[in-house]
Protein backbone atom coordinates (compact mmCIF):
# COMPACT_ATOMS: atom_id res chain seq x y z
CA MET A 1 10.88 -100.66 234.01
CA ARG A 2 10.33 -104.08 235.77
CA ALA A 3 11.95 -106.61 235.46
CA PRO A 4 9.84 -109.81 234.43
CA TYR A 5 12.33 -112.66 235.23
CA LEU A 6 13.08 -111.59 239.11
CA ALA A 7 9.51 -113.07 239.74
CA LEU A 8 10.40 -116.57 238.68
CA TYR A 9 13.90 -115.85 241.03
CA LYS A 10 11.90 -115.49 243.83
CA ARG A 11 10.01 -118.23 243.26
CA HIS A 12 12.94 -120.66 242.92
CA LYS A 13 14.56 -119.37 245.48
CA TRP A 14 16.19 -121.91 247.85
CA MET A 15 16.92 -123.74 244.24
CA LEU A 16 18.59 -121.15 243.22
CA LEU A 17 21.05 -121.03 246.48
CA LEU A 18 20.94 -124.76 246.09
CA GLY A 19 22.88 -124.20 243.05
CA VAL A 20 24.65 -121.48 243.90
CA VAL A 21 26.11 -123.84 246.93
CA LEU A 22 26.32 -126.91 244.80
CA ALA A 23 28.24 -125.25 242.35
CA ILE A 24 30.81 -123.30 245.12
CA VAL A 25 31.70 -127.12 246.85
CA THR A 26 32.51 -128.54 243.55
CA LEU A 27 34.86 -126.02 242.73
CA LEU A 28 36.12 -126.24 246.18
CA ALA A 29 36.56 -129.62 245.51
CA SER A 30 38.28 -129.53 241.99
CA ILE A 31 40.44 -127.21 243.52
CA GLY A 32 41.54 -129.68 246.61
CA LEU A 33 41.64 -132.35 244.57
CA LEU A 34 44.15 -130.65 241.90
CA THR A 35 46.34 -129.90 244.43
CA LEU A 36 46.32 -133.06 245.62
CA SER A 37 47.80 -134.18 242.95
CA GLY A 38 50.23 -131.55 242.34
CA TRP A 39 51.57 -133.07 245.41
CA PHE A 40 51.98 -136.23 244.67
CA LEU A 41 53.19 -135.53 241.64
CA SER A 42 56.08 -133.26 243.76
CA ALA A 43 56.55 -135.91 245.80
CA SER A 44 57.24 -138.37 243.58
CA ALA A 45 59.62 -136.27 242.09
CA VAL A 46 61.75 -135.89 244.48
CA VAL A 47 61.88 -139.56 245.45
CA GLY A 48 63.30 -139.96 241.98
CA VAL A 49 65.35 -137.86 241.89
CA ALA A 50 66.47 -138.63 245.36
CA GLY A 51 66.80 -142.43 244.39
CA ILE A 52 65.10 -144.01 247.06
């Protein structure tokens, strides 16, 4: 049994690839921003405890 939707995927292969790449870039950017905000919160807590 052949899947009829594969012809649609073949027609729009580059747009699908672009969508996947943009989704991965978005995921990496969000992970980076969460890491950066965690670092700022940790640094603020250390400075607050140290009383600087």
